[in-house]
């Protein structure tokens, strides 16, 4: 007997809503790195049964935000290594591609809004404030991903970028960062100009160079 379509939609919705709420709680620090997640408490909080909850958790495992071991634990991931060039390289590949697509596909109003989001990062670069820079750039990239031209691309990229930025943010900061602040500021200004002008290749190059600068600072 065929399963009614309405039940499929309802089941999928519970899974999606649970995943999105759990992800948001991890990203905003409500659930801390290494914190154990208990099914009974999560089911009560989310108002769902065990099946959609475990499906949501499995999604977060695939994203790299949660780790599990059968019969032992489900917990938020913790950093076990310093920030690695692989994370930054992957971010660079994803985000530079998105910046190119957005610069080409978004309308002038959307591009202007994104360009204005570059300003806090420029200000942080001028002040040589690493923490403010990370926050501003994360906000910029989140907005850029939300402006991707298709829903499928937005969803897939958002999950990937969220997980990578989370891993980057929770890893221990080096005691001293040697950042080429002049280069960072220059590239940010060029990114803003490329977004305003709709120059996809220049936007892509600017983001790629920014991430390369970050990678060199971590080494």
N, C-alpha and C. Protein backbone atom coordinates (compact mmCIF):
# COMPACT_ATOMS: atom_id res chain seq x y z
N UNK A 1 0.86 -1.20 0.00
CA UNK A 1 0.00 0.00 0.00
C UNK A 1 0.89 1.24 0.00
N UNK A 2 0.70 2.18 -0.91
CA UNK A 2 1.53 3.37 -0.95
C UNK A 2 1.38 4.22 0.31
N UNK A 3 2.48 4.78 0.76
CA UNK A 3 2.45 5.67 1.93
C UNK A 3 1.92 7.04 1.49
N UNK A 4 0.94 7.59 2.21
CA UNK A 4 0.42 8.90 1.82
C UNK A 4 1.51 9.96 1.79
N UNK A 5 1.46 10.80 0.80
CA UNK A 5 2.49 11.82 0.62
C UNK A 5 2.53 12.78 1.80
N UNK A 6 1.39 13.07 2.40
CA UNK A 6 1.37 14.00 3.52
C UNK A 6 2.23 13.53 4.67
N UNK A 7 2.29 12.20 4.90
CA UNK A 7 3.11 11.66 5.98
C UNK A 7 4.58 11.83 5.66
N UNK A 8 4.95 11.70 4.38
CA UNK A 8 6.35 11.88 3.99
C UNK A 8 6.77 13.32 4.24
N UNK A 9 5.92 14.25 3.88
CA UNK A 9 6.23 15.67 4.07
C UNK A 9 6.37 15.98 5.55
N UNK A 10 5.44 15.44 6.38
CA UNK A 10 5.48 15.71 7.81
C UNK A 10 6.75 15.15 8.44
N UNK A 11 7.11 13.93 8.07
CA UNK A 11 8.31 13.29 8.60
C UNK A 11 9.55 14.09 8.20
N UNK A 12 9.62 14.47 6.94
CA UNK A 12 10.76 15.24 6.46
C UNK A 12 10.86 16.58 7.18
N UNK A 13 9.72 17.21 7.42
CA UNK A 13 9.71 18.51 8.08
C UNK A 13 10.24 18.40 9.50
N UNK A 14 9.83 17.39 10.24
CA UNK A 14 10.30 17.21 11.61
C UNK A 14 11.81 17.00 11.63
N UNK A 15 12.28 16.22 10.71
CA UNK A 15 13.73 16.00 10.61
C UNK A 15 14.45 17.31 10.30
N UNK A 16 13.96 18.05 9.32
CA UNK A 16 14.62 19.28 8.91
C UNK A 16 14.60 20.32 10.02
N UNK A 17 13.44 20.49 10.65
CA UNK A 17 13.32 21.47 11.72
C UNK A 17 14.24 21.10 12.89
N UNK A 18 14.27 19.82 13.22
CA UNK A 18 15.13 19.36 14.32
C UNK A 18 16.59 19.60 14.00
N UNK A 19 16.98 19.28 12.76
CA UNK A 19 18.37 19.48 12.36
C UNK A 19 18.74 20.96 12.41
N UNK A 20 17.87 21.81 11.90
CA UNK A 20 18.18 23.23 11.84
C UNK A 20 18.26 23.84 13.24
N UNK A 21 17.39 23.42 14.15
CA UNK A 21 17.43 23.96 15.52
C UNK A 21 18.65 23.46 16.26
N UNK A 22 19.00 22.20 16.07
CA UNK A 22 20.21 21.66 16.70
C UNK A 22 21.46 22.35 16.16
N UNK A 23 21.49 22.52 14.85
CA UNK A 23 22.65 23.18 14.24
C UNK A 23 22.80 24.60 14.77
N UNK A 24 21.70 25.33 14.84
CA UNK A 24 21.74 26.70 15.34
C UNK A 24 22.25 26.74 16.78
N UNK A 25 21.81 25.78 17.60
CA UNK A 25 22.23 25.75 19.00
C UNK A 25 23.71 25.43 19.14
N UNK A 26 24.24 24.65 18.22
CA UNK A 26 25.67 24.35 18.23
C UNK A 26 26.47 25.57 17.77
N UNK A 27 26.02 26.19 16.70
CA UNK A 27 26.76 27.31 16.14
C UNK A 27 26.76 28.53 17.05
N UNK A 28 25.67 28.73 17.81
CA UNK A 28 25.62 29.92 18.68
C UNK A 28 26.17 29.65 20.08
N UNK A 29 26.64 28.42 20.32
CA UNK A 29 27.27 28.10 21.60
C UNK A 29 26.33 27.62 22.67
N UNK A 30 25.04 27.48 22.38
CA UNK A 30 24.12 26.93 23.37
C UNK A 30 24.57 25.54 23.79
N UNK A 31 24.94 24.72 22.80
CA UNK A 31 25.59 23.44 23.07
C UNK A 31 27.09 23.63 22.83
N UNK A 32 27.88 23.42 23.84
CA UNK A 32 29.30 23.71 23.77
C UNK A 32 30.09 22.56 23.17
N UNK A 33 31.28 22.84 22.65
CA UNK A 33 32.14 21.77 22.13
C UNK A 33 32.36 20.69 23.19
N UNK A 34 32.16 19.44 22.78
CA UNK A 34 32.34 18.32 23.69
C UNK A 34 31.13 17.98 24.53
N UNK A 35 30.09 18.81 24.50
CA UNK A 35 28.90 18.55 25.32
C UNK A 35 28.15 17.33 24.81
N UNK A 36 27.74 16.48 25.74
CA UNK A 36 26.97 15.29 25.38
C UNK A 36 25.51 15.66 25.18
N UNK A 37 24.93 15.05 24.15
CA UNK A 37 23.54 15.29 23.80
C UNK A 37 22.74 14.04 24.12
N UNK A 38 21.69 14.21 24.90
CA UNK A 38 20.88 13.07 25.35
C UNK A 38 19.53 13.07 24.64
N UNK A 39 19.20 11.93 24.07
CA UNK A 39 17.99 11.84 23.25
C UNK A 39 16.75 12.31 23.99
N UNK A 40 16.56 11.86 25.23
CA UNK A 40 15.34 12.19 25.96
C UNK A 40 15.19 13.69 26.14
N UNK A 41 16.29 14.37 26.48
CA UNK A 41 16.23 15.81 26.68
C UNK A 41 15.98 16.55 25.37
N UNK A 42 16.62 16.07 24.30
CA UNK A 42 16.43 16.70 23.00
C UNK A 42 15.03 16.48 22.47
N UNK A 43 14.47 15.29 22.68
CA UNK A 43 13.11 15.01 22.23
C UNK A 43 12.11 15.93 22.93
N UNK A 44 12.34 16.15 24.22
CA UNK A 44 11.44 17.04 24.97
C UNK A 44 11.59 18.48 24.48
N UNK A 45 12.82 18.92 24.27
CA UNK A 45 13.09 20.29 23.82
C UNK A 45 12.52 20.55 22.43
N UNK A 46 12.71 19.60 21.53
CA UNK A 46 12.28 19.78 20.15
C UNK A 46 10.83 19.39 19.92
N UNK A 47 10.28 18.59 20.82
CA UNK A 47 8.91 18.14 20.64
C UNK A 47 8.74 17.13 19.53
N UNK A 48 9.73 16.23 19.38
CA UNK A 48 9.68 15.22 18.32
C UNK A 48 9.95 13.85 18.92
N UNK A 49 9.67 12.82 18.13
CA UNK A 49 9.96 11.46 18.55
C UNK A 49 11.41 11.11 18.24
N UNK A 50 11.80 9.89 18.61
CA UNK A 50 13.20 9.50 18.46
C UNK A 50 13.63 9.40 17.00
N UNK A 51 12.73 8.93 16.12
CA UNK A 51 13.15 8.71 14.72
C UNK A 51 13.58 9.99 14.02
N UNK A 52 12.76 11.05 13.97
CA UNK A 52 13.25 12.26 13.31
C UNK A 52 14.43 12.89 14.03
N UNK A 53 14.51 12.71 15.37
CA UNK A 53 15.66 13.24 16.10
C UNK A 53 16.95 12.56 15.64
N UNK A 54 16.92 11.21 15.56
CA UNK A 54 18.14 10.51 15.16
C UNK A 54 18.49 10.80 13.71
N UNK A 55 17.49 10.98 12.86
CA UNK A 55 17.76 11.37 11.47
C UNK A 55 18.44 12.72 11.42
N UNK A 56 17.97 13.65 12.25
CA UNK A 56 18.58 14.98 12.31
C UNK A 56 20.01 14.90 12.81
N UNK A 57 20.23 14.09 13.83
CA UNK A 57 21.58 13.93 14.37
C UNK A 57 22.50 13.31 13.33
N UNK A 58 22.00 12.34 12.59
CA UNK A 58 22.81 11.72 11.53
C UNK A 58 23.23 12.77 10.49
N UNK A 59 22.32 13.70 10.18
CA UNK A 59 22.66 14.78 9.26
C UNK A 59 23.81 15.62 9.82
N UNK A 60 23.74 15.92 11.12
CA UNK A 60 24.77 16.74 11.75
C UNK A 60 26.10 16.00 11.84
N UNK A 61 26.03 14.68 11.97
CA UNK A 61 27.26 13.87 11.94
C UNK A 61 27.92 14.00 10.58
N UNK A 62 27.11 13.90 9.52
CA UNK A 62 27.66 14.02 8.17
C UNK A 62 28.24 15.40 7.92
N UNK A 63 27.67 16.42 8.56
CA UNK A 63 28.17 17.78 8.42
C UNK A 63 29.45 18.01 9.21
N UNK A 64 29.70 17.15 10.20
CA UNK A 64 30.89 17.31 11.01
C UNK A 64 30.69 18.14 12.25
N UNK A 65 29.44 18.34 12.68
CA UNK A 65 29.16 19.12 13.88
C UNK A 65 28.93 18.24 15.11
N UNK A 66 28.56 16.98 14.88
CA UNK A 66 28.27 16.05 15.96
C UNK A 66 29.03 14.76 15.70
N UNK A 67 29.43 14.10 16.78
CA UNK A 67 30.07 12.80 16.65
C UNK A 67 29.35 11.81 17.56
N UNK A 68 29.29 10.57 17.14
CA UNK A 68 28.60 9.54 17.91
C UNK A 68 29.44 8.29 17.99
N UNK A 69 29.19 7.51 19.03
CA UNK A 69 29.73 6.16 19.14
C UNK A 69 28.63 5.30 19.72
N UNK A 70 28.29 4.24 19.02
CA UNK A 70 27.13 3.42 19.38
C UNK A 70 27.19 2.98 20.83
N UNK A 71 26.08 3.15 21.52
CA UNK A 71 25.90 2.74 22.91
C UNK A 71 26.79 3.51 23.89
N UNK A 72 27.46 4.56 23.41
CA UNK A 72 28.35 5.29 24.31
C UNK A 72 27.99 6.77 24.41
N UNK A 73 27.97 7.47 23.30
CA UNK A 73 27.72 8.90 23.40
C UNK A 73 27.29 9.50 22.07
N UNK A 74 26.60 10.62 22.19
CA UNK A 74 26.38 11.56 21.09
C UNK A 74 26.81 12.90 21.64
N UNK A 75 27.74 13.59 20.95
CA UNK A 75 28.25 14.83 21.51
C UNK A 75 28.65 15.81 20.41
N UNK A 76 28.70 17.07 20.79
CA UNK A 76 29.16 18.12 19.89
C UNK A 76 30.66 17.92 19.67
N UNK A 77 31.12 18.11 18.45
CA UNK A 77 32.53 17.90 18.16
C UNK A 77 33.39 18.89 18.94
N UNK A 78 34.59 18.44 19.28
CA UNK A 78 35.58 19.29 19.94
C UNK A 78 36.84 19.33 19.09
N UNK A 79 37.59 20.42 19.17
CA UNK A 79 38.85 20.45 18.44
C UNK A 79 39.85 19.51 19.08
N UNK A 80 40.48 18.68 18.29
CA UNK A 80 41.52 17.81 18.83
C UNK A 80 42.87 18.12 18.20
N UNK A 81 42.88 19.08 17.26
CA UNK A 81 44.11 19.52 16.62
C UNK A 81 44.05 21.02 16.43
N UNK A 82 45.21 21.69 16.32
CA UNK A 82 45.18 23.11 15.98
C UNK A 82 44.53 23.30 14.62
N UNK A 83 44.15 24.51 14.33
CA UNK A 83 43.57 24.80 13.03
C UNK A 83 44.50 24.30 11.95
N UNK A 84 43.93 23.72 10.94
CA UNK A 84 44.76 23.11 9.90
C UNK A 84 44.58 23.81 8.57
N UNK A 85 45.62 23.79 7.74
CA UNK A 85 45.49 24.39 6.41
C UNK A 85 44.39 23.74 5.57
N UNK A 86 44.09 22.46 5.86
CA UNK A 86 43.06 21.79 5.06
C UNK A 86 41.70 22.45 5.23
N UNK A 87 41.37 22.87 6.45
CA UNK A 87 40.09 23.54 6.68
C UNK A 87 40.03 24.85 5.91
N UNK A 88 41.09 25.64 5.99
CA UNK A 88 41.11 26.93 5.32
C UNK A 88 41.11 26.75 3.81
N UNK A 89 41.85 25.76 3.32
CA UNK A 89 41.88 25.51 1.88
C UNK A 89 40.49 25.14 1.37
N UNK A 90 39.78 24.30 2.13
CA UNK A 90 38.43 23.90 1.73
C UNK A 90 37.49 25.09 1.75
N UNK A 91 37.58 25.91 2.80
CA UNK A 91 36.77 27.12 2.85
C UNK A 91 37.05 28.01 1.64
N UNK A 92 38.32 28.13 1.31
CA UNK A 92 38.68 28.98 0.17
C UNK A 92 38.08 28.49 -1.12
N UNK A 93 38.10 27.18 -1.33
CA UNK A 93 37.55 26.62 -2.56
C UNK A 93 36.05 26.85 -2.65
N UNK A 94 35.36 26.65 -1.53
CA UNK A 94 33.90 26.81 -1.53
C UNK A 94 33.50 28.28 -1.64
N UNK A 95 34.11 29.11 -0.80
CA UNK A 95 33.68 30.49 -0.71
C UNK A 95 34.10 31.33 -1.91
N UNK A 96 35.26 31.03 -2.49
CA UNK A 96 35.66 31.79 -3.67
C UNK A 96 34.71 31.50 -4.83
N UNK A 97 34.27 30.24 -4.94
CA UNK A 97 33.31 29.90 -5.98
C UNK A 97 31.97 30.58 -5.78
N UNK A 98 31.51 30.62 -4.53
CA UNK A 98 30.24 31.27 -4.22
C UNK A 98 30.33 32.77 -4.50
N UNK A 99 31.45 33.38 -4.13
CA UNK A 99 31.59 34.83 -4.35
C UNK A 99 31.53 35.16 -5.83
N UNK A 100 32.12 34.30 -6.65
CA UNK A 100 32.05 34.52 -8.11
C UNK A 100 30.62 34.43 -8.60
N UNK A 101 29.91 33.38 -8.18
CA UNK A 101 28.54 33.18 -8.64
C UNK A 101 27.63 34.32 -8.20
N UNK A 102 27.79 34.75 -6.93
CA UNK A 102 26.93 35.81 -6.40
C UNK A 102 27.20 37.13 -7.12
N UNK A 103 28.48 37.44 -7.35
CA UNK A 103 28.81 38.70 -8.02
C UNK A 103 28.21 38.75 -9.41
N UNK A 104 28.08 37.61 -10.06
CA UNK A 104 27.54 37.57 -11.42
C UNK A 104 26.01 37.52 -11.42
N UNK A 105 25.42 36.76 -10.48
CA UNK A 105 23.98 36.49 -10.55
C UNK A 105 23.11 37.44 -9.75
N UNK A 106 23.64 38.02 -8.67
CA UNK A 106 22.81 38.87 -7.81
C UNK A 106 22.52 40.21 -8.48
N UNK A 107 21.39 40.81 -8.11
CA UNK A 107 21.08 42.12 -8.67
C UNK A 107 21.89 43.20 -7.96
N UNK A 108 21.83 44.41 -8.47
CA UNK A 108 22.67 45.50 -7.97
C UNK A 108 22.41 45.79 -6.49
N UNK A 109 21.14 45.72 -6.09
CA UNK A 109 20.81 46.01 -4.69
C UNK A 109 21.42 44.98 -3.76
N UNK A 110 21.33 43.70 -4.14
CA UNK A 110 21.90 42.63 -3.31
C UNK A 110 23.41 42.73 -3.25
N UNK A 111 24.03 43.06 -4.38
CA UNK A 111 25.49 43.19 -4.39
C UNK A 111 25.94 44.36 -3.53
N UNK A 112 25.20 45.44 -3.57
CA UNK A 112 25.53 46.60 -2.74
C UNK A 112 25.42 46.25 -1.26
N UNK A 113 24.38 45.49 -0.90
CA UNK A 113 24.21 45.08 0.49
C UNK A 113 25.39 44.22 0.95
N UNK A 114 25.85 43.33 0.09
CA UNK A 114 27.01 42.50 0.43
C UNK A 114 28.27 43.33 0.54
N UNK A 115 28.44 44.27 -0.38
CA UNK A 115 29.62 45.13 -0.35
C UNK A 115 29.68 45.92 0.96
N UNK A 116 28.52 46.37 1.44
CA UNK A 116 28.50 47.12 2.70
C UNK A 116 28.90 46.23 3.88
N UNK A 117 28.64 44.94 3.76
CA UNK A 117 29.04 44.02 4.83
C UNK A 117 30.55 43.83 4.91
N UNK A 118 31.26 44.26 3.89
CA UNK A 118 32.72 44.17 3.91
C UNK A 118 33.30 45.24 4.85
N UNK A 119 32.58 46.34 5.05
CA UNK A 119 33.11 47.48 5.82
C UNK A 119 33.58 47.10 7.23
N UNK A 120 32.82 46.31 8.02
CA UNK A 120 33.32 45.95 9.35
C UNK A 120 34.63 45.17 9.31
N UNK A 121 34.82 44.36 8.27
CA UNK A 121 36.07 43.62 8.14
C UNK A 121 37.22 44.56 7.81
N UNK A 122 36.96 45.55 6.97
CA UNK A 122 37.98 46.56 6.65
C UNK A 122 38.36 47.32 7.93
N UNK A 123 37.36 47.68 8.71
CA UNK A 123 37.62 48.39 9.96
C UNK A 123 38.47 47.54 10.90
N UNK A 124 38.17 46.25 10.99
CA UNK A 124 38.95 45.34 11.84
C UNK A 124 40.38 45.23 11.34
N UNK A 125 40.55 45.19 10.03
CA UNK A 125 41.90 45.12 9.46
C UNK A 125 42.69 46.38 9.78
N UNK A 126 42.03 47.52 9.71
CA UNK A 126 42.71 48.78 10.03
C UNK A 126 43.15 48.79 11.49
N UNK A 127 42.35 48.18 12.36
CA UNK A 127 42.68 48.13 13.80
C UNK A 127 43.55 46.92 14.16
N UNK A 128 43.79 46.04 13.17
CA UNK A 128 44.56 44.81 13.39
C UNK A 128 43.95 43.97 14.51
N UNK A 129 42.62 43.85 14.43
CA UNK A 129 41.84 43.12 15.44
C UNK A 129 41.43 41.77 14.86
N UNK A 130 42.14 40.70 15.24
CA UNK A 130 41.89 39.38 14.67
C UNK A 130 40.50 38.85 14.99
N UNK A 131 40.07 39.02 16.26
CA UNK A 131 38.76 38.50 16.66
C UNK A 131 37.63 39.20 15.91
N UNK A 132 37.72 40.53 15.82
CA UNK A 132 36.69 41.27 15.09
C UNK A 132 36.72 40.92 13.61
N UNK A 133 37.91 40.69 13.09
CA UNK A 133 38.04 40.30 11.68
C UNK A 133 37.32 38.97 11.43
N UNK A 134 37.56 37.98 12.28
CA UNK A 134 36.92 36.68 12.09
C UNK A 134 35.40 36.80 12.13
N UNK A 135 34.89 37.57 13.09
CA UNK A 135 33.44 37.73 13.21
C UNK A 135 32.86 38.43 11.99
N UNK A 136 33.54 39.47 11.52
CA UNK A 136 33.04 40.23 10.37
C UNK A 136 33.07 39.40 9.10
N UNK A 137 34.16 38.65 8.90
CA UNK A 137 34.27 37.83 7.70
C UNK A 137 33.26 36.69 7.73
N UNK A 138 33.05 36.08 8.91
CA UNK A 138 32.05 35.02 9.02
C UNK A 138 30.67 35.55 8.67
N UNK A 139 30.34 36.75 9.16
CA UNK A 139 29.05 37.37 8.84
C UNK A 139 28.92 37.64 7.34
N UNK A 140 30.00 38.12 6.74
CA UNK A 140 30.00 38.39 5.31
C UNK A 140 29.77 37.12 4.51
N UNK A 141 30.49 36.06 4.84
CA UNK A 141 30.37 34.83 4.08
C UNK A 141 29.00 34.18 4.28
N UNK A 142 28.44 34.30 5.49
CA UNK A 142 27.10 33.77 5.73
C UNK A 142 26.08 34.47 4.83
N UNK A 143 26.21 35.79 4.74
CA UNK A 143 25.31 36.56 3.87
C UNK A 143 25.54 36.22 2.41
N UNK A 144 26.79 35.98 2.04
CA UNK A 144 27.11 35.66 0.66
C UNK A 144 26.50 34.31 0.26
N UNK A 145 26.61 33.34 1.17
CA UNK A 145 26.02 32.02 0.90
C UNK A 145 24.51 32.15 0.77
N UNK A 146 23.89 32.97 1.62
CA UNK A 146 22.43 33.15 1.55
C UNK A 146 22.00 33.80 0.25
N UNK A 147 22.93 34.44 -0.46
CA UNK A 147 22.62 35.10 -1.73
C UNK A 147 22.93 34.23 -2.94
N UNK A 148 23.33 32.98 -2.71
CA UNK A 148 23.64 32.08 -3.82
C UNK A 148 22.42 31.95 -4.74
N UNK A 149 22.65 31.72 -6.03
CA UNK A 149 21.57 31.82 -7.01
C UNK A 149 20.49 30.76 -6.95
N UNK A 150 20.73 29.59 -6.35
CA UNK A 150 19.70 28.55 -6.29
C UNK A 150 19.55 28.04 -4.87
N UNK A 151 18.37 27.54 -4.55
CA UNK A 151 18.09 27.01 -3.22
C UNK A 151 18.98 25.80 -2.92
N UNK A 152 19.17 24.93 -3.91
CA UNK A 152 20.01 23.76 -3.70
C UNK A 152 21.44 24.16 -3.36
N UNK A 153 21.98 25.13 -4.09
CA UNK A 153 23.33 25.60 -3.82
C UNK A 153 23.42 26.28 -2.47
N UNK A 154 22.41 27.06 -2.11
CA UNK A 154 22.41 27.73 -0.81
C UNK A 154 22.43 26.71 0.31
N UNK A 155 21.60 25.70 0.19
CA UNK A 155 21.50 24.71 1.26
C UNK A 155 22.79 23.91 1.40
N UNK A 156 23.28 23.38 0.29
CA UNK A 156 24.47 22.54 0.34
C UNK A 156 25.68 23.35 0.82
N UNK A 157 25.81 24.56 0.32
CA UNK A 157 26.96 25.39 0.70
C UNK A 157 26.86 25.85 2.14
N UNK A 158 25.66 26.21 2.58
CA UNK A 158 25.49 26.68 3.95
C UNK A 158 25.92 25.61 4.95
N UNK A 159 25.50 24.37 4.72
CA UNK A 159 25.86 23.29 5.64
C UNK A 159 27.37 23.09 5.68
N UNK A 160 27.99 23.13 4.51
CA UNK A 160 29.44 22.92 4.45
C UNK A 160 30.19 24.07 5.12
N UNK A 161 29.81 25.29 4.78
CA UNK A 161 30.51 26.45 5.33
C UNK A 161 30.28 26.58 6.83
N UNK A 162 29.06 26.34 7.30
CA UNK A 162 28.78 26.41 8.73
C UNK A 162 29.68 25.45 9.50
N UNK A 163 29.79 24.22 9.01
CA UNK A 163 30.60 23.23 9.70
C UNK A 163 32.08 23.61 9.70
N UNK A 164 32.57 24.11 8.57
CA UNK A 164 33.98 24.49 8.48
C UNK A 164 34.29 25.71 9.35
N UNK A 165 33.42 26.72 9.31
CA UNK A 165 33.63 27.90 10.14
C UNK A 165 33.57 27.54 11.62
N UNK A 166 32.69 26.62 11.97
CA UNK A 166 32.59 26.19 13.37
C UNK A 166 33.89 25.52 13.81
N UNK A 167 34.39 24.61 13.00
CA UNK A 167 35.64 23.94 13.35
C UNK A 167 36.79 24.93 13.44
N UNK A 168 36.79 25.90 12.54
CA UNK A 168 37.84 26.92 12.57
C UNK A 168 37.72 27.77 13.83
N UNK A 169 36.49 28.14 14.20
CA UNK A 169 36.29 29.06 15.32
C UNK A 169 36.59 28.42 16.66
N UNK A 170 36.32 27.10 16.84
CA UNK A 170 36.49 26.50 18.15
C UNK A 170 37.91 26.00 18.39
N UNK A 171 38.73 25.94 17.35
CA UNK A 171 40.10 25.49 17.52
C UNK A 171 40.91 26.56 18.27
N UNK A 172 41.92 26.13 19.03
CA UNK A 172 42.69 27.11 19.81
C UNK A 172 43.41 28.11 18.91
N UNK A 173 43.34 29.36 19.28
CA UNK A 173 44.07 30.40 18.56
C UNK A 173 45.56 30.31 18.88
N UNK A 174 46.42 30.49 17.89
CA UNK A 174 47.84 30.60 18.19
C UNK A 174 48.09 31.79 19.12
N UNK A 175 49.14 31.72 19.92
CA UNK A 175 49.43 32.80 20.84
C UNK A 175 49.72 34.10 20.09
N UNK A 176 50.35 33.99 18.94
CA UNK A 176 50.65 35.17 18.15
C UNK A 176 50.31 34.92 16.69
N UNK A 177 49.63 35.85 16.10
CA UNK A 177 49.31 35.76 14.69
C UNK A 177 50.07 36.83 13.92
N UNK A 178 50.76 36.41 12.91
CA UNK A 178 51.45 37.37 12.07
C UNK A 178 50.65 37.52 10.78
N UNK A 179 49.85 38.56 10.73
CA UNK A 179 48.94 38.77 9.61
C UNK A 179 49.44 39.93 8.77
N UNK A 180 49.39 39.76 7.47
CA UNK A 180 49.72 40.84 6.55
C UNK A 180 48.48 41.73 6.44
N UNK A 181 48.32 42.63 7.41
CA UNK A 181 47.10 43.40 7.51
C UNK A 181 46.89 44.31 6.30
N UNK A 182 47.96 44.85 5.77
CA UNK A 182 47.84 45.72 4.60
C UNK A 182 47.28 44.95 3.42
N UNK A 183 47.72 43.73 3.22
CA UNK A 183 47.23 42.89 2.14
C UNK A 183 45.76 42.53 2.36
N UNK A 184 45.43 42.20 3.62
CA UNK A 184 44.04 41.86 3.94
C UNK A 184 43.12 43.03 3.66
N UNK A 185 43.50 44.21 4.12
CA UNK A 185 42.66 45.40 3.90
C UNK A 185 42.50 45.69 2.41
N UNK A 186 43.59 45.58 1.66
CA UNK A 186 43.54 45.82 0.22
C UNK A 186 42.60 44.84 -0.47
N UNK A 187 42.71 43.58 -0.12
CA UNK A 187 41.86 42.56 -0.75
C UNK A 187 40.39 42.72 -0.38
N UNK A 188 40.13 43.12 0.83
CA UNK A 188 38.74 43.36 1.24
C UNK A 188 38.14 44.51 0.43
N UNK A 189 38.91 45.57 0.25
CA UNK A 189 38.41 46.71 -0.54
C UNK A 189 38.17 46.29 -1.99
N UNK A 190 39.06 45.45 -2.51
CA UNK A 190 38.88 44.98 -3.88
C UNK A 190 37.67 44.06 -3.98
N UNK A 191 37.41 43.28 -2.93
CA UNK A 191 36.22 42.42 -2.93
C UNK A 191 34.96 43.27 -2.95
N UNK A 192 34.91 44.31 -2.13
CA UNK A 192 33.74 45.19 -2.10
C UNK A 192 33.51 45.83 -3.47
N UNK A 193 34.59 46.28 -4.09
CA UNK A 193 34.47 46.90 -5.40
C UNK A 193 34.00 45.90 -6.45
N UNK A 194 34.52 44.67 -6.37
CA UNK A 194 34.12 43.64 -7.34
C UNK A 194 32.65 43.28 -7.18
N UNK A 195 32.16 43.22 -5.95
CA UNK A 195 30.75 42.92 -5.72
C UNK A 195 29.87 44.03 -6.29
N UNK A 196 30.26 45.26 -6.05
CA UNK A 196 29.45 46.39 -6.55
C UNK A 196 29.42 46.40 -8.08
N UNK A 197 30.54 46.03 -8.69
CA UNK A 197 30.63 46.08 -10.15
C UNK A 197 30.14 44.81 -10.82
N UNK A 198 29.89 43.76 -10.05
CA UNK A 198 29.46 42.50 -10.64
C UNK A 198 30.59 41.75 -11.33
N UNK A 199 31.81 41.92 -10.88
CA UNK A 199 32.97 41.26 -11.47
C UNK A 199 33.24 39.94 -10.73
N UNK A 200 32.74 38.86 -11.27
CA UNK A 200 32.83 37.57 -10.60
C UNK A 200 34.25 37.07 -10.40
N UNK A 201 35.08 37.16 -11.42
CA UNK A 201 36.44 36.64 -11.33
C UNK A 201 37.25 37.42 -10.30
N UNK A 202 37.09 38.73 -10.27
CA UNK A 202 37.82 39.55 -9.30
C UNK A 202 37.35 39.24 -7.88
N UNK A 203 36.05 39.03 -7.69
CA UNK A 203 35.54 38.66 -6.37
C UNK A 203 36.11 37.31 -5.93
N UNK A 204 36.13 36.36 -6.86
CA UNK A 204 36.67 35.04 -6.57
C UNK A 204 38.15 35.13 -6.18
N UNK A 205 38.91 35.88 -6.93
CA UNK A 205 40.34 36.03 -6.64
C UNK A 205 40.57 36.69 -5.29
N UNK A 206 39.79 37.70 -4.97
CA UNK A 206 39.96 38.41 -3.70
C UNK A 206 39.70 37.49 -2.52
N UNK A 207 38.65 36.70 -2.59
CA UNK A 207 38.35 35.76 -1.51
C UNK A 207 39.44 34.70 -1.41
N UNK A 208 39.89 34.20 -2.54
CA UNK A 208 40.94 33.19 -2.54
C UNK A 208 42.21 33.71 -1.87
N UNK A 209 42.60 34.93 -2.20
CA UNK A 209 43.81 35.52 -1.60
C UNK A 209 43.61 35.75 -0.10
N UNK A 210 42.42 36.20 0.30
CA UNK A 210 42.15 36.41 1.72
C UNK A 210 42.34 35.12 2.51
N UNK A 211 41.83 34.02 1.98
CA UNK A 211 41.98 32.75 2.68
C UNK A 211 43.41 32.26 2.66
N UNK A 212 44.15 32.56 1.61
CA UNK A 212 45.57 32.20 1.57
C UNK A 212 46.34 32.97 2.64
N UNK A 213 45.99 34.24 2.83
CA UNK A 213 46.64 35.02 3.87
C UNK A 213 46.35 34.42 5.25
N UNK A 214 45.09 34.00 5.46
CA UNK A 214 44.73 33.38 6.72
C UNK A 214 45.51 32.09 6.95
N UNK A 215 45.66 31.30 5.88
CA UNK A 215 46.38 30.04 6.00
C UNK A 215 47.85 30.28 6.37
N UNK A 216 48.47 31.28 5.77
CA UNK A 216 49.87 31.57 6.09
C UNK A 216 49.99 32.05 7.53
N UNK A 217 48.99 32.80 8.03
CA UNK A 217 49.04 33.30 9.40
C UNK A 217 48.95 32.17 10.41
N UNK A 218 48.24 31.09 10.03
CA UNK A 218 48.08 29.97 10.96
C UNK A 218 49.33 29.12 11.04
N UNK A 219 50.17 29.16 10.02
CA UNK A 219 51.34 28.28 9.97
C UNK A 219 52.55 28.88 10.72
